[in-house]
Amino acid sequence: MNIQDLPKHFEPSVQIMKNLLYLCGIGVAVTIIGIFFVPDRALGNLLLANYYLLGLGLAAIIFITMLYVSNAGWATAIRRVPEAMTSVIPVAALVMLALMFFIPYIYEWSHVEVLPHDEMLQEKSGWLNIPLFVVRTVVYLALWIFFAMYIVKLSRKQDNNGNIKPYTRSKTASAIFLVIFAITFSFASIDWIMSLEPHWYSTIFGIYNIIGTFLNGLAVITLMVILLKRMGPFQHILTEEHLHSLGKLIFAFSTFWMYIWFSQYLLIWYANIPEEASYMVHRQEGSWLIFTIVNVIFNWVIPFIALLPAWTKKSEGFLLRVCIIIMVGHWIDLFWMIMPSFMKDAPVVNIWELAPLMSAICAFFYLTFKTLSKYKLIPINDPLLIESLSQSH
């Protein structure tokens, strides 16, 4: 395909955009009602849904930066999709900052009356205290927003002049970002999720969350490019080779996720330290055991078996179904990590759980589609575009 023949813009359906806004609004309204009537569950699920949404934007910028630092050209033609996905980061950041006002309702370590009677929380109070917690959150979010906006801005700038400088600057910024992200997101996952149960700790919790977030992001990027092909813009751009490469990444990181999950489980089981073991014991009691089993099935067993043959990685319909399963699996994984702190007995899933998730998913698609429609759909002046377009053509 000649560069002159490439699609210039994407125009989403007006009706689809309206429906996404309506559904998002309904989800937000139900979540706000829940904060007044069932604050523990509503706030826990709001944290979960927003972490899910923020993770999609962060996974997108990880994908982009990994392409730059590895000098990979195969995905250049579809790079505008993860670039558009980064538009959710500022929105999710605002919600996360709003959650800072509800710290006493969410985190046990913030309760002043508990601290004098809990020696372990006293030892951790130098890190787990409200002022420092809020400052760290602001720093995490500010760094992620800055790098995401800067790298995406350089990509769009290259469309206008074709200069090689934005590309080389993007590679440098990407290398710096990946190091900063690995550190900050590890600490963020410890702050926002692990500290929900402050007596528990895991030395690999950070990498566990990084891999889970990136796996879900890969699934959503793949789902998005398949949808764009079916809508028309990527009809002559997305090939079996692109899908094969995305499928291999999903297969690899799904297996990596399982490796980290099992490593964490094995270390806790072998060490048998009460503070660590209680975390897994609770998640193997009653109905929580179902979530533990389904978590592994959705995030690894099904993707592993389904994507083992080469042809399934190239099958648009097959890959689309696997991506949806992984998206559901990531929500189950976050539910498994977060909600036992708010549901001491059996897990419950109803409107208070589904409404925040619905608003997050609808907000994601609305913001991504809207951003895609504002800018050129293909990075036409990228030096590696020809390599990407030549996949199997």
Protein backbone atom coordinates (compact mmCIF):
# COMPACT_ATOMS: atom_id res chain seq x y z
CA MET A 1 0.00 0.00 0.00
CA ASN A 2 1.25 3.49 -0.92
CA ILE A 3 1.54 6.02 1.91
CA GLN A 4 -0.72 8.35 -0.09
CA ASP A 5 -3.49 5.75 0.07
CA LEU A 6 -3.39 5.35 3.85
CA PRO A 7 -6.49 6.35 5.82
CA LYS A 8 -6.06 9.86 7.22
CA HIS A 9 -8.68 10.00 9.98
CA PHE A 10 -11.08 7.91 11.98
CA GLU A 11 -14.66 9.03 12.55
CA PRO A 12 -16.49 7.04 15.25
CA SER A 13 -20.23 6.60 15.06
CA VAL A 14 -22.09 9.46 16.72
CA GLN A 15 -24.59 7.01 18.18
CA ILE A 16 -21.85 4.82 19.65
CA MET A 17 -20.22 7.83 21.29
CA LYS A 18 -23.57 8.95 22.76
CA ASN A 19 -24.27 5.47 24.11
CA LEU A 20 -20.82 5.31 25.71
CA LEU A 21 -21.43 8.67 27.41
CA TYR A 22 -24.87 7.61 28.67
CA LEU A 23 -23.61 4.32 30.07
CA CYS A 24 -20.61 6.03 31.66
CA GLY A 25 -22.92 8.61 33.25
CA ILE A 26 -25.20 5.90 34.64
CA GLY A 27 -22.21 4.06 36.10
CA VAL A 28 -20.88 7.25 37.72
CA ALA A 29 -24.30 8.08 39.19
CA VAL A 30 -24.72 4.60 40.68
CA THR A 31 -21.17 4.75 42.10
CA ILE A 32 -21.85 8.11 43.77
CA ILE A 33 -25.08 6.72 45.28
CA GLY A 34 -23.11 3.71 46.52
CA ILE A 35 -20.58 5.96 48.26
CA PHE A 36 -23.42 7.32 50.42
CA PHE A 37 -25.24 4.04 51.11
CA VAL A 38 -22.55 1.33 51.00
CA PRO A 39 -19.29 3.33 51.24
CA ASP A 40 -16.93 0.41 51.86
CA ARG A 41 -17.98 -1.58 48.81
CA ALA A 42 -18.48 1.46 46.58
CA LEU A 43 -15.07 2.94 47.40
CA GLY A 44 -13.33 -0.41 47.07
CA ASN A 45 -14.86 -0.96 43.66
CA LEU A 46 -14.12 2.61 42.60
CA LEU A 47 -10.47 2.04 43.49
CA LEU A 48 -10.53 -1.21 41.51
CA ALA A 49 -12.22 0.27 38.43
CA ASN A 50 -9.99 3.33 38.37
CA TYR A 51 -6.85 1.22 38.80
CA TYR A 52 -8.10 -0.85 35.86
CA LEU A 53 -8.64 2.29 33.75
CA LEU A 54 -5.31 3.85 34.72
CA GLY A 55 -3.58 0.55 33.92
CA LEU A 56 -4.91 0.60 30.34
CA GLY A 57 -3.36 4.01 29.72
CA LEU A 58 -0.07 3.03 31.35
CA ALA A 59 0.10 -0.29 29.47
CA ALA A 60 -0.34 1.66 26.24
CA ILE A 61 2.63 3.94 26.94
CA ILE A 62 4.69 0.90 27.99
CA PHE A 63 3.89 -0.70 24.63
CA ILE A 64 4.89 2.47 22.76
CA THR A 65 8.14 2.92 24.67
CA MET A 66 9.08 -0.74 24.25
CA LEU A 67 8.72 -0.30 20.48
CA TYR A 68 11.03 2.71 20.57
CA VAL A 69 13.77 1.24 22.74
CA SER A 70 13.80 -2.06 20.83
CA ASN A 71 13.75 -0.26 17.46
CA ALA A 72 10.77 -2.43 16.48
CA GLY A 73 8.98 -1.32 13.35
CA TRP A 74 6.31 -4.01 12.95
CA ALA A 75 3.70 -2.12 15.02
CA THR A 76 4.36 1.40 13.74
CA ALA A 77 1.24 1.42 11.55
CA ILE A 78 -1.01 0.67 14.53
CA ARG A 79 0.84 2.85 17.06
CA ARG A 80 -1.83 5.56 17.02
CA VAL A 81 -4.12 3.16 18.92
CA PRO A 82 -1.97 2.90 22.09
CA GLU A 83 -1.16 6.61 21.73
CA ALA A 84 -4.90 7.38 21.88
CA MET A 85 -5.29 5.02 24.85
CA THR A 86 -2.94 7.22 26.90
CA SER A 87 -5.66 9.91 26.94
CA VAL A 88 -7.30 8.07 29.86
CA ILE A 89 -4.32 8.65 32.18
CA PRO A 90 -5.19 12.27 33.19
CA VAL A 91 -8.84 11.33 33.79
CA ALA A 92 -7.90 8.30 35.92
CA ALA A 93 -5.36 10.48 37.74
CA LEU A 94 -8.10 12.93 38.76
CA VAL A 95 -10.23 10.11 40.15
CA MET A 96 -7.24 8.71 42.04
CA LEU A 97 -6.62 12.13 43.56
CA ALA A 98 -10.29 12.32 44.55
CA LEU A 99 -9.92 8.97 46.32
CA MET A 100 -7.26 10.56 48.52
CA PHE A 101 -10.11 12.30 50.41
CA PHE A 102 -11.46 8.87 51.38
CA ILE A 103 -8.22 7.38 52.73
CA PRO A 104 -9.69 6.85 56.24
CA TYR A 105 -12.55 4.82 54.73
CA ILE A 106 -10.27 2.67 52.57
CA TYR A 107 -7.03 2.06 54.46
CA GLU A 108 -6.80 0.58 57.95
CA TRP A 109 -3.33 2.03 58.58
CA SER A 110 -4.78 5.56 58.51
CA HIS A 111 -6.90 4.94 61.63
CA VAL A 112 -5.28 6.86 64.48
CA GLU A 113 -7.04 4.80 67.14
CA VAL A 114 -5.56 1.55 65.79
CA LEU A 115 -1.94 2.64 65.65
CA PRO A 116 -1.09 2.62 69.41
CA HIS A 117 -2.24 -1.01 69.70
CA ASP A 118 -0.53 -2.36 66.59
CA GLU A 119 3.25 -2.68 66.74
CA MET A 120 3.59 -3.64 63.06
CA LEU A 121 1.65 -0.60 61.87
CA GLN A 122 3.79 1.57 64.10
CA GLU A 123 6.90 0.18 62.38
CA LYS A 124 5.40 0.98 58.97
CA SER A 125 4.05 4.41 59.90
CA GLY A 126 7.13 6.12 58.51
CA TRP A 127 5.97 5.05 55.05
CA LEU A 128 2.25 4.55 55.58
CA ASN A 129 1.03 7.95 56.70
CA ILE A 130 -1.50 10.15 54.95
CA PRO A 131 0.69 13.17 54.02
CA LEU A 132 3.47 11.06 52.50
CA PHE A 133 0.94 8.73 50.87
CA VAL A 134 -0.73 11.67 49.08
CA VAL A 135 2.60 13.21 48.05
CA ARG A 136 3.78 9.91 46.57
CA THR A 137 0.51 9.52 44.66
CA VAL A 138 0.85 13.01 43.18
CA VAL A 139 4.46 12.30 42.16
CA TYR A 140 3.54 8.97 40.51
CA LEU A 141 0.70 10.50 38.52
CA ALA A 142 2.63 13.63 37.53
CA LEU A 143 5.56 11.60 36.17
CA TRP A 144 3.31 9.26 34.18
CA ILE A 145 1.27 12.10 32.68
CA PHE A 146 4.39 14.05 31.75
CA PHE A 147 6.12 11.19 29.94
CA ALA A 148 2.95 10.00 28.22
CA MET A 149 2.10 13.47 26.93
CA TYR A 150 5.69 14.20 25.92
CA ILE A 151 6.24 10.97 23.97
CA VAL A 152 2.86 11.13 22.23
CA LYS A 153 3.43 14.81 21.41
CA LEU A 154 6.75 13.97 19.75
CA SER A 155 5.05 11.31 17.64
CA ARG A 156 2.39 13.72 16.41
CA LYS A 157 4.95 16.44 15.84
CA GLN A 158 6.76 14.18 13.40
CA ASP A 159 3.63 14.04 11.24
CA ASN A 160 4.01 17.73 10.48
CA ASN A 161 7.64 18.00 9.38
CA GLY A 162 9.10 14.53 8.89
CA ASN A 163 12.18 15.47 10.89
CA ILE A 164 14.06 12.57 12.48
CA LYS A 165 14.67 14.48 15.73
CA PRO A 166 11.27 13.69 17.33
CA TYR A 167 11.93 9.99 16.72
CA THR A 168 15.38 10.04 18.36
CA ARG A 169 14.07 12.08 21.28
CA SER A 170 11.24 9.58 21.71
CA LYS A 171 13.75 6.75 22.00
CA THR A 172 15.67 8.59 24.72
CA ALA A 173 12.52 9.55 26.62
CA SER A 174 11.22 5.97 26.33
CA ALA A 175 14.34 4.49 27.88
CA ILE A 176 14.11 6.91 30.81
CA PHE A 177 10.39 6.30 31.24
CA LEU A 178 10.67 2.51 31.42
CA VAL A 179 13.14 2.74 34.30
CA ILE A 180 11.07 5.34 36.16
CA PHE A 181 7.84 3.45 35.52
CA ALA A 182 9.18 0.14 36.85
CA ILE A 183 10.07 1.84 40.13
CA THR A 184 7.06 4.14 40.54
CA PHE A 185 4.39 1.64 39.52
CA SER A 186 5.84 -0.97 41.88
CA PHE A 187 5.57 1.50 44.74
CA ALA A 188 2.14 2.66 43.58
CA SER A 189 0.76 -0.88 43.58
CA ILE A 190 2.20 -1.39 47.07
CA ASP A 191 0.65 1.88 48.28
CA TRP A 192 -2.78 1.59 46.65
CA ILE A 193 -3.40 -2.17 46.83
CA MET A 194 -0.97 -4.03 49.08
CA SER A 195 -1.44 -1.56 51.94
CA LEU A 196 -5.16 -2.42 52.00
CA GLU A 197 -3.94 -5.32 54.15
CA PRO A 198 -1.03 -3.57 55.89
CA HIS A 199 0.14 -6.58 57.86
CA TRP A 200 0.75 -8.53 54.67
CA TYR A 201 3.72 -8.06 52.38
CA SER A 202 5.19 -9.57 49.22
CA THR A 203 8.57 -8.78 47.67
CA ILE A 204 7.30 -9.46 44.14
CA PHE A 205 3.95 -7.68 44.37
CA GLY A 206 5.19 -4.82 42.19
CA ILE A 207 6.30 -6.96 39.25
CA TYR A 208 3.13 -9.04 39.61
CA ASN A 209 1.03 -5.92 39.03
CA ILE A 210 3.23 -4.65 36.22
CA ILE A 211 2.86 -7.90 34.27
CA GLY A 212 -0.89 -8.14 34.93
CA THR A 213 -1.43 -4.54 33.83
CA PHE A 214 0.64 -4.93 30.68
CA LEU A 215 -1.04 -8.23 29.76
CA ASN A 216 -4.45 -6.57 29.97
CA GLY A 217 -3.16 -3.61 27.97
CA LEU A 218 -1.89 -5.92 25.21
CA ALA A 219 -5.30 -7.59 25.06
CA VAL A 220 -7.08 -4.23 24.76
CA ILE A 221 -4.66 -2.91 22.12
CA THR A 222 -5.28 -6.07 20.09
CA LEU A 223 -9.04 -5.76 20.56
CA MET A 224 -8.93 -2.12 19.47
CA VAL A 225 -6.98 -2.74 16.26
CA ILE A 226 -9.32 -5.62 15.36
CA LEU A 227 -12.33 -3.34 15.92
CA LEU A 228 -10.74 -0.66 13.74
CA LYS A 229 -10.20 -3.21 11.01
CA ARG A 230 -13.84 -4.23 11.16
CA MET A 231 -14.92 -0.58 11.17
CA GLY A 232 -12.86 0.07 8.05
CA PRO A 233 -9.79 2.25 8.80
CA PHE A 234 -7.40 -0.68 9.35
CA GLN A 235 -8.97 -2.95 6.76
CA HIS A 236 -5.95 -2.82 4.44
CA ILE A 237 -3.36 -2.16 7.17
CA LEU A 238 -3.80 -4.84 9.81
CA THR A 239 -2.48 -8.19 8.56
CA GLU A 240 -2.13 -11.69 9.91
CA GLU A 241 1.51 -10.93 10.72
CA HIS A 242 0.49 -8.01 12.94
CA LEU A 243 -2.01 -10.22 14.72
CA HIS A 244 0.56 -13.00 15.01
CA SER A 245 3.04 -10.65 16.70
CA LEU A 246 0.39 -9.34 19.11
CA GLY A 247 -0.77 -12.89 19.82
CA LYS A 248 2.77 -13.99 20.64
CA LEU A 249 3.15 -11.12 23.08
CA ILE A 250 -0.15 -11.99 24.78
CA PHE A 251 0.86 -15.65 24.97
CA ALA A 252 4.28 -14.77 26.44
CA PHE A 253 3.08 -12.29 29.05
CA SER A 254 0.16 -14.52 30.06
CA THR A 255 2.70 -17.25 30.84
CA PHE A 256 4.96 -14.71 32.57
CA TRP A 257 1.98 -13.60 34.71
CA MET A 258 1.39 -17.22 35.72
CA TYR A 259 5.06 -17.64 36.58
CA ILE A 260 4.97 -14.63 38.91
CA TRP A 261 1.61 -15.68 40.41
CA PHE A 262 2.90 -19.16 41.19
CA SER A 263 6.23 -17.80 42.48
CA GLN A 264 4.42 -15.55 44.94
CA TYR A 265 2.14 -18.39 46.04
CA LEU A 266 5.05 -20.84 46.42
CA LEU A 267 7.17 -18.40 48.44
CA ILE A 268 4.29 -17.69 50.81
CA TRP A 269 3.46 -21.40 51.18
CA TYR A 270 7.09 -22.41 51.75
CA ALA A 271 7.97 -19.64 54.21
CA ASN A 272 4.70 -20.13 56.11
CA ILE A 273 4.99 -16.77 57.88
CA PRO A 274 1.63 -15.97 59.53
CA GLU A 275 1.46 -12.40 58.19
CA GLU A 276 2.02 -13.69 54.65
CA ALA A 277 0.05 -16.95 54.82
CA SER A 278 -3.12 -15.24 56.07
CA TYR A 279 -3.43 -13.47 52.71
CA MET A 280 -3.63 -16.73 50.74
CA VAL A 281 -5.58 -18.62 53.38
CA HIS A 282 -8.39 -16.04 53.24
CA ARG A 283 -8.48 -16.33 49.43
CA GLN A 284 -8.82 -20.11 49.62
CA GLU A 285 -11.75 -20.09 52.01
CA GLY A 286 -15.37 -20.48 50.91
CA SER A 287 -16.40 -18.73 47.71
CA TRP A 288 -13.09 -16.87 47.49
CA LEU A 289 -11.52 -20.13 46.31
CA ILE A 290 -13.67 -19.89 43.18
CA PHE A 291 -12.13 -16.50 42.37
CA THR A 292 -8.65 -17.91 42.95
CA ILE A 293 -9.27 -20.76 40.50
CA VAL A 294 -11.07 -18.64 37.90
CA ASN A 295 -8.32 -16.03 38.13
CA VAL A 296 -5.72 -18.55 36.98
CA ILE A 297 -8.04 -20.04 34.34
CA PHE A 298 -8.90 -16.71 32.70
CA ASN A 299 -5.44 -15.15 32.86
CA TRP A 300 -3.37 -18.18 31.90
CA VAL A 301 -5.04 -21.54 31.26
CA ILE A 302 -7.41 -20.38 28.51
CA PRO A 303 -4.92 -17.99 26.78
CA PHE A 304 -2.16 -20.62 26.96
CA ILE A 305 -4.22 -23.42 25.44
CA ALA A 306 -5.99 -21.16 22.95
CA LEU A 307 -2.87 -19.41 21.63
CA LEU A 308 -0.52 -22.38 21.59
CA PRO A 309 -1.09 -23.15 17.87
CA ALA A 310 0.32 -20.60 15.42
CA TRP A 311 -2.92 -20.30 13.43
CA THR A 312 -4.96 -19.07 16.41
CA LYS A 313 -2.61 -16.12 16.88
CA LYS A 314 -3.37 -15.11 13.28
CA SER A 315 -7.12 -15.61 13.56
CA GLU A 316 -8.91 -12.31 14.04
CA GLY A 317 -12.04 -13.81 15.61
CA PHE A 318 -10.16 -16.25 17.81
CA LEU A 319 -7.77 -13.60 19.10
CA LEU A 320 -10.65 -11.21 19.77
CA ARG A 321 -12.34 -13.75 22.04
CA VAL A 322 -9.12 -14.45 23.94
CA CYS A 323 -8.62 -10.70 24.48
CA ILE A 324 -12.10 -10.36 26.00
CA ILE A 325 -11.40 -13.30 28.32
CA ILE A 326 -8.15 -11.64 29.47
CA MET A 327 -9.95 -8.33 30.07
CA VAL A 328 -12.44 -10.13 32.31
CA GLY A 329 -9.58 -12.06 33.89
CA HIS A 330 -7.74 -8.88 34.84
CA TRP A 331 -10.84 -7.55 36.58
CA ILE A 332 -11.08 -10.86 38.46
CA ASP A 333 -7.41 -10.56 39.40
CA LEU A 334 -7.91 -7.05 40.79
CA PHE A 335 -11.11 -8.12 42.57
CA TRP A 336 -9.15 -11.01 44.10
CA MET A 337 -6.46 -8.60 45.34
CA ILE A 338 -8.61 -5.68 46.49
CA MET A 339 -12.08 -6.73 47.58
CA PRO A 340 -11.29 -9.24 50.39
CA SER A 341 -10.36 -6.16 52.43
CA PHE A 342 -13.92 -4.87 52.02
CA MET A 343 -15.80 -8.20 51.98
CA LYS A 344 -14.68 -10.15 55.02
CA ASP A 345 -17.00 -13.06 54.29
CA ALA A 346 -18.17 -14.31 50.90
CA PRO A 347 -17.55 -12.28 47.72
CA VAL A 348 -20.57 -10.50 46.24
CA VAL A 349 -20.93 -9.15 42.71
CA ASN A 350 -23.89 -6.92 41.91
CA ILE A 351 -24.65 -3.35 40.89
CA TRP A 352 -22.10 -1.78 43.27
CA GLU A 353 -19.33 -3.87 41.68
CA LEU A 354 -20.46 -3.57 38.06
CA ALA A 355 -21.35 0.14 37.92
CA PRO A 356 -17.81 1.52 38.50
CA LEU A 357 -16.38 -1.02 36.05
CA MET A 358 -18.97 -0.10 33.40
CA SER A 359 -18.19 3.60 33.77
CA ALA A 360 -14.43 2.91 33.49
CA ILE A 361 -14.77 0.74 30.36
CA CYS A 362 -17.16 3.20 28.67
CA ALA A 363 -14.92 6.15 29.57
CA PHE A 364 -11.96 4.28 28.10
CA PHE A 365 -13.61 3.62 24.73
CA TYR A 366 -15.10 7.13 24.56
CA LEU A 367 -11.79 8.88 25.26
CA THR A 368 -9.80 6.56 22.98
CA PHE A 369 -12.21 6.91 20.04
CA LYS A 370 -12.42 10.67 20.53
CA THR A 371 -8.63 11.03 20.59
CA LEU A 372 -8.24 8.82 17.51
CA SER A 373 -10.64 11.08 15.62
CA LYS A 374 -8.60 14.22 16.41
CA TYR A 375 -5.27 13.23 14.90
CA LYS A 376 -3.85 11.43 11.90
CA LEU A 377 -4.57 7.73 12.14
CA ILE A 378 -1.18 6.66 10.79
CA PRO A 379 2.26 8.11 11.74
CA ILE A 380 3.03 8.89 8.10
CA ASN A 381 6.53 10.30 8.61
CA ASP A 382 7.85 7.63 10.97
CA PRO A 383 11.07 6.12 9.57
CA LEU A 384 9.87 2.59 10.38
CA LEU A 385 6.40 2.90 8.81
CA ILE A 386 7.40 1.14 5.57
CA GLU A 387 8.63 -1.85 7.56
CA SER A 388 5.29 -2.06 9.36
CA LEU A 389 3.25 -1.75 6.15
CA SER A 390 5.30 -4.42 4.45
CA GLN A 391 4.11 -7.12 6.88
CA SER A 392 3.01 -9.94 4.52
CA HIS A 393 2.08 -7.45 1.77
